[in-house]
N, C-alpha and C. Protein backbone atom coordinates (compact mmCIF):
# COMPACT_ATOMS: atom_id res chain seq x y z
N MET A 1 15.98 -22.15 6.91
CA MET A 1 14.83 -22.55 7.68
C MET A 1 14.52 -21.54 8.79
N SER A 2 15.57 -20.98 9.40
CA SER A 2 15.34 -20.03 10.48
C SER A 2 14.71 -18.74 9.98
N ARG A 3 15.01 -18.33 8.73
CA ARG A 3 14.40 -17.17 8.15
C ARG A 3 12.89 -17.35 7.96
N LEU A 4 12.51 -18.53 7.50
CA LEU A 4 11.11 -18.84 7.30
C LEU A 4 10.39 -18.81 8.65
N PHE A 5 11.00 -19.39 9.66
CA PHE A 5 10.41 -19.38 10.99
C PHE A 5 10.24 -17.95 11.52
N ALA A 6 11.29 -17.16 11.33
CA ALA A 6 11.27 -15.74 11.81
C ALA A 6 10.19 -14.97 11.07
N ALA A 7 10.05 -15.21 9.75
CA ALA A 7 9.02 -14.51 8.97
C ALA A 7 7.62 -14.92 9.42
N SER A 8 7.45 -16.22 9.66
CA SER A 8 6.16 -16.69 10.13
C SER A 8 5.82 -16.15 11.49
N LEU A 9 6.79 -16.12 12.38
CA LEU A 9 6.60 -15.59 13.71
C LEU A 9 6.24 -14.10 13.66
N THR A 10 6.96 -13.36 12.82
CA THR A 10 6.68 -11.92 12.66
C THR A 10 5.27 -11.68 12.17
N LEU A 11 4.86 -12.41 11.15
CA LEU A 11 3.51 -12.26 10.61
C LEU A 11 2.47 -12.62 11.67
N SER A 12 2.71 -13.68 12.40
CA SER A 12 1.79 -14.09 13.46
C SER A 12 1.66 -13.00 14.51
N LEU A 13 2.77 -12.41 14.91
CA LEU A 13 2.73 -11.35 15.88
C LEU A 13 2.00 -10.13 15.39
N VAL A 14 2.23 -9.79 14.11
CA VAL A 14 1.53 -8.65 13.50
C VAL A 14 0.03 -8.89 13.54
N LEU A 15 -0.38 -10.05 13.11
CA LEU A 15 -1.81 -10.36 13.09
C LEU A 15 -2.39 -10.40 14.50
N TYR A 16 -1.64 -10.91 15.44
CA TYR A 16 -2.12 -10.97 16.86
C TYR A 16 -2.30 -9.54 17.38
N TRP A 17 -1.27 -8.68 17.22
CA TRP A 17 -1.38 -7.33 17.73
C TRP A 17 -2.43 -6.49 17.00
N THR A 18 -2.64 -6.80 15.74
CA THR A 18 -3.70 -6.13 14.99
C THR A 18 -5.05 -6.44 15.64
N ALA A 19 -5.27 -7.68 15.97
CA ALA A 19 -6.52 -8.08 16.60
C ALA A 19 -6.64 -7.48 17.99
N VAL A 20 -5.55 -7.47 18.74
CA VAL A 20 -5.59 -6.93 20.13
C VAL A 20 -5.86 -5.42 20.10
N LEU A 21 -5.21 -4.70 19.20
CA LEU A 21 -5.35 -3.25 19.15
C LEU A 21 -6.61 -2.80 18.45
N GLY A 22 -7.29 -3.70 17.77
CA GLY A 22 -8.55 -3.37 17.14
C GLY A 22 -8.42 -2.71 15.77
N ALA A 23 -7.25 -2.75 15.17
CA ALA A 23 -7.08 -2.18 13.82
C ALA A 23 -7.73 -3.18 12.86
N GLU A 24 -8.80 -2.73 12.25
CA GLU A 24 -9.69 -3.67 11.58
C GLU A 24 -9.43 -3.98 10.13
N GLU A 25 -9.26 -2.95 9.30
CA GLU A 25 -9.16 -3.19 7.86
C GLU A 25 -8.15 -2.23 7.22
N VAL A 26 -7.52 -2.74 6.17
CA VAL A 26 -6.61 -1.93 5.35
C VAL A 26 -7.33 -1.75 4.02
N VAL A 27 -7.40 -0.49 3.57
CA VAL A 27 -8.13 -0.17 2.34
C VAL A 27 -7.23 0.58 1.35
N LEU A 28 -7.56 0.44 0.08
CA LEU A 28 -6.93 1.21 -0.98
C LEU A 28 -7.66 2.52 -1.07
N VAL A 29 -6.93 3.62 -1.14
CA VAL A 29 -7.55 4.96 -1.16
C VAL A 29 -7.00 5.81 -2.27
N ALA A 30 -7.73 6.86 -2.57
CA ALA A 30 -7.33 7.90 -3.52
C ALA A 30 -7.99 9.19 -3.08
N GLY A 31 -7.65 10.27 -3.74
CA GLY A 31 -8.32 11.54 -3.44
C GLY A 31 -9.79 11.45 -3.83
N GLU A 32 -10.65 12.20 -3.17
CA GLU A 32 -12.07 12.08 -3.42
C GLU A 32 -12.47 12.49 -4.85
N ASN A 33 -11.63 13.26 -5.52
CA ASN A 33 -11.91 13.65 -6.92
C ASN A 33 -11.26 12.72 -7.93
N SER A 34 -10.65 11.65 -7.47
CA SER A 34 -9.99 10.71 -8.37
C SER A 34 -11.06 9.93 -9.15
N PRO A 35 -10.82 9.73 -10.45
CA PRO A 35 -11.75 8.93 -11.24
C PRO A 35 -11.58 7.42 -11.04
N ILE A 36 -10.53 7.03 -10.33
CA ILE A 36 -10.25 5.59 -10.12
C ILE A 36 -11.36 4.98 -9.30
N GLU A 37 -12.00 3.97 -9.85
CA GLU A 37 -13.11 3.28 -9.16
C GLU A 37 -12.72 1.87 -8.74
N LYS A 38 -11.83 1.22 -9.49
CA LYS A 38 -11.42 -0.14 -9.11
C LYS A 38 -10.08 -0.46 -9.78
N LEU A 39 -9.37 -1.35 -9.14
CA LEU A 39 -8.14 -1.92 -9.67
C LEU A 39 -8.11 -3.39 -9.30
N SER A 40 -7.63 -4.21 -10.20
CA SER A 40 -7.51 -5.64 -9.87
C SER A 40 -6.31 -5.84 -8.98
N PRO A 41 -6.27 -6.94 -8.25
CA PRO A 41 -5.09 -7.25 -7.43
C PRO A 41 -3.79 -7.26 -8.23
N LEU A 42 -3.87 -7.78 -9.48
CA LEU A 42 -2.68 -7.81 -10.34
C LEU A 42 -2.23 -6.39 -10.70
N GLU A 43 -3.18 -5.53 -11.08
CA GLU A 43 -2.84 -4.14 -11.42
C GLU A 43 -2.23 -3.44 -10.22
N LEU A 44 -2.77 -3.68 -9.06
CA LEU A 44 -2.27 -3.05 -7.84
C LEU A 44 -0.85 -3.49 -7.56
N ARG A 45 -0.60 -4.79 -7.66
CA ARG A 45 0.73 -5.34 -7.42
C ARG A 45 1.74 -4.79 -8.45
N LYS A 46 1.33 -4.76 -9.73
CA LYS A 46 2.21 -4.22 -10.75
C LYS A 46 2.58 -2.76 -10.45
N ALA A 47 1.59 -1.96 -10.10
CA ALA A 47 1.84 -0.56 -9.80
C ALA A 47 2.88 -0.42 -8.71
N TYR A 48 2.77 -1.24 -7.67
CA TYR A 48 3.72 -1.09 -6.58
C TYR A 48 5.07 -1.70 -6.87
N PHE A 49 5.23 -2.34 -8.02
CA PHE A 49 6.55 -2.78 -8.51
C PHE A 49 7.09 -1.81 -9.54
N GLY A 50 6.39 -0.71 -9.79
CA GLY A 50 6.87 0.28 -10.74
C GLY A 50 6.54 -0.03 -12.18
N ILE A 51 5.70 -1.02 -12.42
CA ILE A 51 5.27 -1.38 -13.75
C ILE A 51 4.08 -0.43 -14.11
N VAL A 52 4.13 0.10 -15.32
CA VAL A 52 3.09 1.07 -15.71
C VAL A 52 1.70 0.41 -15.75
N VAL A 53 0.80 1.01 -15.01
CA VAL A 53 -0.61 0.60 -14.98
C VAL A 53 -1.39 1.89 -15.34
N ARG A 54 -2.32 1.73 -16.26
CA ARG A 54 -3.10 2.88 -16.72
C ARG A 54 -4.56 2.74 -16.32
N TYR A 55 -5.16 3.89 -16.07
CA TYR A 55 -6.59 3.99 -15.81
C TYR A 55 -7.07 5.21 -16.58
N ASP A 56 -8.06 5.05 -17.43
CA ASP A 56 -8.50 6.14 -18.32
C ASP A 56 -7.32 6.70 -19.10
N ASN A 57 -6.44 5.85 -19.51
CA ASN A 57 -5.23 6.20 -20.28
C ASN A 57 -4.26 7.09 -19.51
N GLN A 58 -4.38 7.15 -18.22
CA GLN A 58 -3.46 7.90 -17.37
C GLN A 58 -2.66 6.90 -16.52
N ILE A 59 -1.42 7.23 -16.28
CA ILE A 59 -0.55 6.34 -15.46
C ILE A 59 -0.91 6.54 -14.00
N ILE A 60 -1.12 5.42 -13.33
CA ILE A 60 -1.39 5.43 -11.89
C ILE A 60 -0.07 5.51 -11.11
N ARG A 61 -0.04 6.41 -10.18
CA ARG A 61 1.17 6.59 -9.34
C ARG A 61 0.85 6.03 -7.93
N PRO A 62 1.54 4.95 -7.55
CA PRO A 62 1.31 4.41 -6.20
C PRO A 62 2.16 5.14 -5.16
N PHE A 63 1.57 5.45 -4.03
CA PHE A 63 2.31 6.04 -2.90
C PHE A 63 2.33 5.01 -1.79
N ARG A 64 3.51 4.85 -1.19
CA ARG A 64 3.64 3.96 -0.03
C ARG A 64 3.37 4.75 1.25
N ASN A 65 2.56 4.16 2.09
CA ASN A 65 2.23 4.76 3.40
C ASN A 65 3.09 4.10 4.46
N SER A 66 4.18 4.77 4.80
CA SER A 66 5.11 4.23 5.82
C SER A 66 4.95 4.93 7.14
N SER A 67 3.79 5.54 7.35
CA SER A 67 3.54 6.25 8.60
C SER A 67 3.29 5.29 9.77
N ASP A 68 3.00 4.04 9.48
CA ASP A 68 2.69 3.05 10.49
C ASP A 68 3.34 1.71 10.05
N SER A 69 4.29 1.27 10.84
CA SER A 69 5.04 0.07 10.46
C SER A 69 4.16 -1.18 10.38
N GLN A 70 3.19 -1.27 11.26
CA GLN A 70 2.28 -2.44 11.23
C GLN A 70 1.45 -2.42 9.95
N LEU A 71 0.92 -1.27 9.61
CA LEU A 71 0.15 -1.12 8.36
C LEU A 71 1.02 -1.49 7.16
N ASN A 72 2.24 -1.03 7.13
CA ASN A 72 3.14 -1.29 6.02
C ASN A 72 3.43 -2.78 5.90
N ARG A 73 3.67 -3.46 7.03
CA ARG A 73 3.93 -4.89 6.96
C ARG A 73 2.73 -5.66 6.46
N ILE A 74 1.53 -5.31 6.93
CA ILE A 74 0.32 -5.97 6.46
C ILE A 74 0.15 -5.75 4.96
N PHE A 75 0.32 -4.55 4.50
CA PHE A 75 0.21 -4.23 3.08
C PHE A 75 1.18 -5.07 2.28
N LEU A 76 2.46 -5.11 2.70
CA LEU A 76 3.45 -5.88 1.94
C LEU A 76 3.13 -7.35 1.93
N GLN A 77 2.66 -7.88 3.01
CA GLN A 77 2.33 -9.31 3.07
C GLN A 77 1.07 -9.65 2.29
N SER A 78 0.04 -8.80 2.35
CA SER A 78 -1.24 -9.15 1.72
C SER A 78 -1.37 -8.71 0.29
N VAL A 79 -0.71 -7.63 -0.10
CA VAL A 79 -0.84 -7.14 -1.48
C VAL A 79 0.36 -7.50 -2.33
N VAL A 80 1.55 -7.22 -1.83
CA VAL A 80 2.76 -7.48 -2.61
C VAL A 80 3.24 -8.90 -2.41
N ALA A 81 2.82 -9.54 -1.32
CA ALA A 81 3.16 -10.91 -0.97
C ALA A 81 4.65 -11.11 -0.78
N MET A 82 5.29 -10.15 -0.11
CA MET A 82 6.72 -10.21 0.18
C MET A 82 7.00 -9.54 1.51
N SER A 83 8.13 -9.94 2.08
CA SER A 83 8.63 -9.21 3.25
C SER A 83 9.15 -7.85 2.77
N GLU A 84 9.36 -6.94 3.69
CA GLU A 84 9.87 -5.61 3.30
C GLU A 84 11.24 -5.74 2.69
N ARG A 85 12.06 -6.58 3.27
CA ARG A 85 13.44 -6.77 2.74
C ARG A 85 13.41 -7.28 1.29
N SER A 86 12.58 -8.29 1.05
CA SER A 86 12.48 -8.84 -0.32
C SER A 86 11.90 -7.83 -1.30
N TYR A 87 10.92 -7.08 -0.86
CA TYR A 87 10.31 -6.05 -1.68
C TYR A 87 11.30 -4.99 -2.04
N GLU A 88 12.05 -4.49 -1.03
CA GLU A 88 13.07 -3.48 -1.29
C GLU A 88 14.14 -3.97 -2.27
N ARG A 89 14.54 -5.21 -2.10
CA ARG A 89 15.55 -5.79 -3.01
C ARG A 89 14.99 -5.86 -4.43
N ARG A 90 13.71 -6.27 -4.58
CA ARG A 90 13.12 -6.38 -5.91
C ARG A 90 12.99 -5.00 -6.53
N LEU A 91 12.57 -3.99 -5.77
CA LEU A 91 12.49 -2.65 -6.30
C LEU A 91 13.85 -2.12 -6.76
N PHE A 92 14.85 -2.38 -5.98
CA PHE A 92 16.21 -1.95 -6.31
C PHE A 92 16.67 -2.58 -7.65
N LEU A 93 16.45 -3.88 -7.79
CA LEU A 93 16.85 -4.56 -9.03
C LEU A 93 16.05 -4.04 -10.22
N LEU A 94 14.77 -3.83 -10.06
CA LEU A 94 13.96 -3.32 -11.17
C LEU A 94 14.39 -1.90 -11.57
N THR A 95 14.74 -1.10 -10.58
CA THR A 95 15.22 0.25 -10.86
C THR A 95 16.54 0.19 -11.63
N LEU A 96 17.45 -0.69 -11.20
CA LEU A 96 18.73 -0.79 -11.90
C LEU A 96 18.56 -1.33 -13.32
N LYS A 97 17.75 -2.37 -13.49
CA LYS A 97 17.56 -3.00 -14.80
C LYS A 97 16.82 -2.13 -15.79
N SER A 98 15.73 -1.52 -15.36
CA SER A 98 14.85 -0.86 -16.33
C SER A 98 14.66 0.62 -16.06
N GLY A 99 15.21 1.12 -14.98
CA GLY A 99 15.02 2.55 -14.68
C GLY A 99 13.64 2.87 -14.17
N ARG A 100 12.89 1.87 -13.76
CA ARG A 100 11.55 2.13 -13.25
C ARG A 100 11.64 2.91 -11.95
N PRO A 101 10.82 3.94 -11.83
CA PRO A 101 10.88 4.70 -10.58
C PRO A 101 10.23 3.92 -9.43
N ARG A 102 10.77 4.12 -8.25
CA ARG A 102 10.20 3.53 -7.05
C ARG A 102 8.93 4.26 -6.65
N PRO A 103 7.97 3.59 -6.06
CA PRO A 103 6.82 4.32 -5.54
C PRO A 103 7.27 5.33 -4.51
N GLU A 104 6.70 6.49 -4.57
CA GLU A 104 7.02 7.53 -3.62
C GLU A 104 6.55 7.09 -2.23
N GLU A 105 7.36 7.36 -1.22
CA GLU A 105 7.06 6.90 0.13
C GLU A 105 6.80 8.09 1.05
N PHE A 106 5.77 7.97 1.90
CA PHE A 106 5.39 8.99 2.82
C PHE A 106 5.46 8.45 4.26
N THR A 107 6.17 9.13 5.09
CA THR A 107 6.22 8.74 6.50
C THR A 107 5.28 9.57 7.34
N ASP A 108 4.73 10.62 6.76
CA ASP A 108 3.77 11.49 7.44
C ASP A 108 2.41 11.36 6.73
N GLN A 109 1.40 10.93 7.45
CA GLN A 109 0.12 10.68 6.81
C GLN A 109 -0.52 11.98 6.28
N ASP A 110 -0.31 13.11 6.93
CA ASP A 110 -0.86 14.37 6.43
C ASP A 110 -0.26 14.72 5.08
N ASP A 111 1.05 14.50 4.89
CA ASP A 111 1.67 14.75 3.59
C ASP A 111 1.09 13.82 2.52
N LEU A 112 0.87 12.56 2.90
CA LEU A 112 0.28 11.60 2.00
C LEU A 112 -1.11 12.04 1.55
N VAL A 113 -1.91 12.45 2.47
CA VAL A 113 -3.27 12.89 2.17
C VAL A 113 -3.24 14.11 1.22
N ARG A 114 -2.38 15.05 1.49
CA ARG A 114 -2.25 16.21 0.57
C ARG A 114 -1.89 15.77 -0.83
N ALA A 115 -0.93 14.84 -0.94
CA ALA A 115 -0.52 14.38 -2.28
C ALA A 115 -1.67 13.65 -2.97
N LEU A 116 -2.44 12.82 -2.26
CA LEU A 116 -3.56 12.13 -2.88
C LEU A 116 -4.62 13.11 -3.37
N ARG A 117 -4.84 14.16 -2.61
CA ARG A 117 -5.81 15.17 -3.02
C ARG A 117 -5.34 15.96 -4.26
N ASP A 118 -4.03 16.16 -4.35
CA ASP A 118 -3.46 16.98 -5.45
C ASP A 118 -3.34 16.23 -6.79
N TYR A 119 -3.19 14.91 -6.75
CA TYR A 119 -2.96 14.14 -7.97
C TYR A 119 -4.07 13.08 -8.12
N PRO A 120 -4.94 13.26 -9.07
CA PRO A 120 -6.10 12.38 -9.15
C PRO A 120 -5.82 10.92 -9.55
N TYR A 121 -4.65 10.65 -10.13
CA TYR A 121 -4.36 9.25 -10.51
C TYR A 121 -3.34 8.60 -9.60
N CYS A 122 -3.37 8.97 -8.31
CA CYS A 122 -2.50 8.38 -7.32
C CYS A 122 -3.32 7.54 -6.34
N ILE A 123 -2.68 6.53 -5.82
CA ILE A 123 -3.33 5.62 -4.89
C ILE A 123 -2.41 5.39 -3.69
N SER A 124 -2.99 4.95 -2.60
CA SER A 124 -2.22 4.52 -1.48
C SER A 124 -3.10 3.60 -0.60
N TYR A 125 -2.66 3.32 0.59
CA TYR A 125 -3.38 2.45 1.46
C TYR A 125 -3.31 2.98 2.88
N MET A 126 -4.32 2.67 3.67
CA MET A 126 -4.36 3.12 5.07
C MET A 126 -5.42 2.29 5.81
N TRP A 127 -5.45 2.49 7.12
CA TRP A 127 -6.47 1.87 7.92
C TRP A 127 -7.81 2.48 7.50
N ARG A 128 -8.87 1.68 7.46
CA ARG A 128 -10.19 2.16 7.11
C ARG A 128 -10.62 3.28 8.06
N SER A 129 -10.33 3.08 9.34
CA SER A 129 -10.75 4.11 10.32
C SER A 129 -10.12 5.46 10.02
N ASP A 130 -8.89 5.49 9.55
CA ASP A 130 -8.24 6.75 9.14
C ASP A 130 -8.89 7.30 7.91
N ALA A 131 -9.11 6.45 6.95
CA ALA A 131 -9.68 6.88 5.65
C ALA A 131 -11.07 7.49 5.85
N GLU A 132 -11.85 6.95 6.74
CA GLU A 132 -13.20 7.44 6.96
C GLU A 132 -13.24 8.77 7.70
N ARG A 133 -12.23 9.07 8.47
CA ARG A 133 -12.22 10.33 9.22
C ARG A 133 -11.53 11.45 8.45
N LEU A 134 -10.77 11.12 7.42
CA LEU A 134 -10.05 12.15 6.67
C LEU A 134 -10.88 12.76 5.57
N ILE A 135 -10.86 14.09 5.48
CA ILE A 135 -11.63 14.80 4.48
C ILE A 135 -10.83 14.77 3.13
N GLY A 136 -11.54 14.50 2.05
CA GLY A 136 -10.91 14.53 0.74
C GLY A 136 -10.33 13.20 0.28
N ILE A 137 -10.63 12.12 1.02
CA ILE A 137 -10.12 10.79 0.69
C ILE A 137 -11.30 9.84 0.43
N LYS A 138 -11.18 9.01 -0.59
CA LYS A 138 -12.21 7.98 -0.81
C LYS A 138 -11.61 6.62 -0.77
N VAL A 139 -12.40 5.65 -0.35
CA VAL A 139 -11.96 4.25 -0.32
C VAL A 139 -12.32 3.62 -1.64
N ILE A 140 -11.33 2.97 -2.25
CA ILE A 140 -11.56 2.30 -3.51
C ILE A 140 -11.92 0.81 -3.30
N LYS A 141 -11.19 0.19 -2.38
CA LYS A 141 -11.49 -1.22 -2.12
C LYS A 141 -10.83 -1.69 -0.85
N LEU A 142 -11.36 -2.74 -0.31
CA LEU A 142 -10.81 -3.41 0.88
C LEU A 142 -9.61 -4.26 0.41
N LEU A 143 -8.49 -4.11 1.11
CA LEU A 143 -7.29 -4.89 0.79
C LEU A 143 -7.05 -6.03 1.78
N TRP A 144 -7.38 -5.78 3.07
CA TRP A 144 -7.16 -6.76 4.11
C TRP A 144 -8.06 -6.49 5.27
N GLN A 145 -8.50 -7.58 5.92
CA GLN A 145 -9.25 -7.42 7.17
C GLN A 145 -8.87 -8.57 8.08
N GLU A 146 -8.94 -8.23 9.37
CA GLU A 146 -8.61 -9.26 10.36
C GLU A 146 -9.72 -10.29 10.41
N ASN A 147 -9.35 -11.50 10.68
CA ASN A 147 -10.35 -12.59 10.72
C ASN A 147 -10.90 -12.76 12.08
């Protein structure tokens, strides 16, 4: 019961600070030359669990954006629907059982942007305000917005 309370409190604090700091929306992004136009929530979730998702018969490679801990927590809660600890445990088990590769993780946003520009079938997530100011990045869809 205390874990549930702690998780609820953490999510509440994240949402509160998001509103206070003015971070408005989390969006799915790709390089501007990417042919990816849309992905369903299920396809997105599968991709981030290492399950093969194809677009135009090409495998989509998901990149994790760990450059901002608040962004990462919101993404995990709203898209993957898990805490970071549960998500990491699930990825570990899937890798052991089936050899599925983990999504590549970027702690530096500039490195992430370069990778998205270089590989047309890669996706990631970031704040809309960042996506709009970065050259060579396009927004595919809205993933989360503050209420």
